[in-house]
Amino acid sequence: MEWLSLPKWPAMVVGVSIGLLECLTFLLLDKPIGCSTAFARTGGMIERALGRPVMEKPYYKLFPPVVDWEWVFVAGIPLGAFLAASLSGEFRLEWVPPLWQQAFGPGLPLRLAVAAAGGFLVGLGARWAGGCTSGHGISGSLQLAVSSWLASAAFFAGGILSARLLFSLSGG
């Protein structure tokens, strides 16, 4: 288990672990792994806290705005990232990564604006596509769903195009 302290984990170990986790969620919960619904549920929880009639909306009748296993799974992602970085000795707080600084400069406002816009677009796309990279890329492709294979191809194409566009604009 010394691979846990490596800065980059072996792809084979990570892939097999994700596959086993997917099998466990199907076996124990009869549900696929996904993340985007947890964000939508969080929006519903916020709306409900503000006194809005959330439960009257058709979406929240199907997906109630509650803390469930998927929500805890998503909350565990930053915790897992922190633990992995700490175990490898690579943990550091970094608001503007070196690659971004090299391409766009050290300015934090631009970095935060682009991150917020990117997060919004990814969230919008995930809901529009009926799932995120976890839902389509892992769970759906595992189930051999054609829509998930197409969505995964679109995720990769969009990521490659976005990176090329961003870094060509920066002169990188």
Protein backbone atom coordinates (compact mmCIF):
# COMPACT_ATOMS: atom_id res chain seq x y z
CA MET A 1 0.00 0.00 0.00
CA GLU A 2 2.99 2.31 -0.37
CA TRP A 3 1.36 3.64 -3.56
CA LEU A 4 -0.87 5.72 -1.25
CA SER A 5 2.11 7.98 -0.51
CA LEU A 6 3.03 8.53 -4.18
CA PRO A 7 2.35 11.98 -5.73
CA LYS A 8 0.58 10.24 -8.63
CA TRP A 9 -1.19 6.95 -8.06
CA PRO A 10 -0.84 4.12 -10.59
CA ALA A 11 -3.63 4.38 -13.17
CA MET A 12 -4.33 0.64 -13.02
CA VAL A 13 -4.84 0.73 -9.23
CA VAL A 14 -7.12 3.77 -9.46
CA GLY A 15 -9.11 2.31 -12.35
CA VAL A 16 -9.65 -1.01 -10.60
CA SER A 17 -10.58 0.80 -7.36
CA ILE A 18 -13.18 2.94 -9.13
CA GLY A 19 -14.57 -0.18 -10.82
CA LEU A 20 -14.84 -1.98 -7.48
CA LEU A 21 -16.50 1.07 -5.91
CA GLU A 22 -19.01 1.13 -8.78
CA CYS A 23 -19.73 -2.58 -8.29
CA LEU A 24 -20.26 -2.02 -4.56
CA THR A 25 -22.69 0.85 -5.10
CA PHE A 26 -24.72 -1.25 -7.52
CA LEU A 27 -24.61 -4.25 -5.20
CA LEU A 28 -25.37 -2.46 -1.93
CA LEU A 29 -27.43 0.54 -3.06
CA ASP A 30 -28.73 -0.48 -6.49
CA LYS A 31 -27.58 2.91 -7.77
CA PRO A 32 -24.79 4.13 -10.05
CA ILE A 33 -22.06 6.55 -9.00
CA GLY A 34 -22.76 10.15 -10.00
CA CYS A 35 -22.18 13.64 -8.69
CA SER A 36 -24.29 16.22 -10.49
CA THR A 37 -27.58 15.26 -8.81
CA ALA A 38 -25.99 16.03 -5.44
CA PHE A 39 -25.34 19.59 -6.60
CA ALA A 40 -28.93 19.95 -7.80
CA ARG A 41 -30.14 18.61 -4.44
CA THR A 42 -27.92 21.15 -2.68
CA GLY A 43 -29.63 23.90 -4.68
CA GLY A 44 -32.96 22.54 -3.51
CA MET A 45 -31.79 22.49 0.11
CA ILE A 46 -30.71 26.12 -0.21
CA GLU A 47 -34.04 27.07 -1.77
CA ARG A 48 -35.92 25.25 0.99
CA ALA A 49 -33.82 27.06 3.63
CA LEU A 50 -34.87 30.35 2.01
CA GLY A 51 -38.51 29.36 2.43
CA ARG A 52 -39.30 28.55 -1.19
CA PRO A 53 -41.83 25.80 -2.03
CA VAL A 54 -39.24 23.36 -3.37
CA MET A 55 -41.23 20.16 -2.99
CA GLU A 56 -43.86 21.41 -5.45
CA LYS A 57 -41.32 21.31 -8.30
CA PRO A 58 -41.47 18.17 -10.46
CA TYR A 59 -37.69 17.64 -10.30
CA TYR A 60 -37.59 17.60 -6.51
CA LYS A 61 -40.50 15.16 -6.39
CA LEU A 62 -38.18 12.70 -8.18
CA PHE A 63 -34.97 13.79 -6.45
CA PRO A 64 -35.81 15.20 -2.99
CA PRO A 65 -33.38 17.83 -1.70
CA VAL A 66 -31.91 15.76 1.13
CA VAL A 67 -28.48 14.63 2.27
CA ASP A 68 -28.16 11.12 0.87
CA TRP A 69 -25.31 8.71 0.04
CA GLU A 70 -24.48 10.54 -3.19
CA TRP A 71 -24.28 13.88 -1.40
CA VAL A 72 -21.90 12.39 1.18
CA PHE A 73 -19.90 10.82 -1.68
CA VAL A 74 -19.46 14.27 -3.29
CA ALA A 75 -18.56 15.84 0.05
CA GLY A 76 -15.92 13.13 0.45
CA ILE A 77 -14.15 14.09 -2.79
CA PRO A 78 -12.30 17.12 -1.35
CA LEU A 79 -11.62 15.14 1.83
CA GLY A 80 -10.11 12.30 -0.22
CA ALA A 81 -8.05 14.78 -2.26
CA PHE A 82 -6.75 16.35 0.95
CA LEU A 83 -5.85 12.97 2.42
CA ALA A 84 -4.09 11.84 -0.78
CA ALA A 85 -2.10 15.09 -1.02
CA SER A 86 -1.20 14.92 2.68
CA LEU A 87 -0.09 11.28 2.50
CA SER A 88 2.15 12.05 -0.48
CA GLY A 89 3.65 15.12 1.18
CA GLU A 90 2.45 17.24 -1.76
CA PHE A 91 -0.26 19.22 0.07
CA ARG A 92 -0.03 22.98 -0.21
CA LEU A 93 -2.56 25.77 -0.45
CA GLU A 94 -2.40 27.27 -3.91
CA TRP A 95 -4.87 29.80 -5.28
CA VAL A 96 -3.13 30.32 -8.63
CA PRO A 97 -1.34 27.21 -9.95
CA PRO A 98 2.06 27.63 -11.66
CA LEU A 99 0.77 26.62 -15.12
CA TRP A 100 -1.98 29.24 -14.88
CA GLN A 101 0.52 31.88 -13.70
CA GLN A 102 2.81 31.08 -16.61
CA ALA A 103 -0.03 31.40 -19.13
CA PHE A 104 -2.18 34.19 -17.66
CA GLY A 105 -0.20 35.83 -14.87
CA PRO A 106 -0.54 35.73 -11.09
CA GLY A 107 -3.86 37.61 -10.85
CA LEU A 108 -6.35 35.93 -8.53
CA PRO A 109 -9.54 37.72 -9.75
CA LEU A 110 -9.17 36.37 -13.31
CA ARG A 111 -8.43 32.88 -11.99
CA LEU A 112 -11.53 32.93 -9.75
CA ALA A 113 -13.75 34.36 -12.52
CA VAL A 114 -12.66 31.70 -15.01
CA ALA A 115 -13.03 28.94 -12.39
CA ALA A 116 -16.55 30.15 -11.51
CA ALA A 117 -17.56 30.41 -15.18
CA GLY A 118 -16.09 26.98 -15.90
CA GLY A 119 -17.83 25.46 -12.89
CA PHE A 120 -21.14 26.96 -13.96
CA LEU A 121 -20.76 25.67 -17.53
CA VAL A 122 -19.73 22.19 -16.39
CA GLY A 123 -22.70 22.04 -14.02
CA LEU A 124 -25.08 23.27 -16.71
CA GLY A 125 -23.68 20.78 -19.22
CA ALA A 126 -23.88 17.91 -16.73
CA ARG A 127 -27.53 18.58 -16.01
CA TRP A 128 -28.29 19.10 -19.71
CA ALA A 129 -26.56 15.82 -20.61
CA GLY A 130 -28.44 13.97 -17.87
CA GLY A 131 -25.28 13.22 -15.93
CA CYS A 132 -21.70 14.19 -15.22
CA THR A 133 -18.38 12.57 -16.02
CA SER A 134 -18.93 10.16 -13.14
CA GLY A 135 -22.49 9.31 -14.10
CA HIS A 136 -21.81 8.92 -17.81
CA GLY A 137 -18.08 8.24 -17.96
CA ILE A 138 -17.98 5.62 -15.22
CA SER A 139 -21.46 4.34 -14.48
CA GLY A 140 -23.10 4.71 -17.87
CA SER A 141 -20.19 3.42 -19.93
CA LEU A 142 -19.88 0.47 -17.54
CA GLN A 143 -23.51 -0.33 -18.35
CA LEU A 144 -22.69 0.03 -22.08
CA ALA A 145 -25.15 2.90 -22.52
CA VAL A 146 -24.59 4.45 -25.96
CA SER A 147 -25.62 7.87 -24.62
CA SER A 148 -22.90 7.64 -21.99
CA TRP A 149 -20.23 6.72 -24.53
CA LEU A 150 -21.30 9.71 -26.65
CA ALA A 151 -21.39 12.02 -23.63
CA SER A 152 -17.94 10.82 -22.53
CA ALA A 153 -16.53 11.47 -26.00
CA ALA A 154 -18.05 14.96 -25.86
CA PHE A 155 -16.52 15.55 -22.40
CA PHE A 156 -13.07 14.67 -23.69
CA ALA A 157 -13.47 16.69 -26.89
CA GLY A 158 -14.74 19.71 -24.95
CA GLY A 159 -11.87 19.48 -22.46
CA ILE A 160 -9.25 19.23 -25.18
CA LEU A 161 -10.76 22.08 -27.19
CA SER A 162 -11.09 24.29 -24.11
CA ALA A 163 -7.49 23.68 -23.04
CA ARG A 164 -6.18 24.35 -26.55
CA LEU A 165 -8.27 27.53 -26.83
CA LEU A 166 -7.29 28.85 -23.41
CA PHE A 167 -3.61 28.22 -23.83
CA SER A 168 -3.49 29.44 -27.43
CA LEU A 169 -5.11 32.71 -26.30
CA SER A 170 -2.48 33.05 -23.60
CA GLY A 171 0.36 32.41 -26.02
CA GLY A 172 1.23 29.21 -24.11
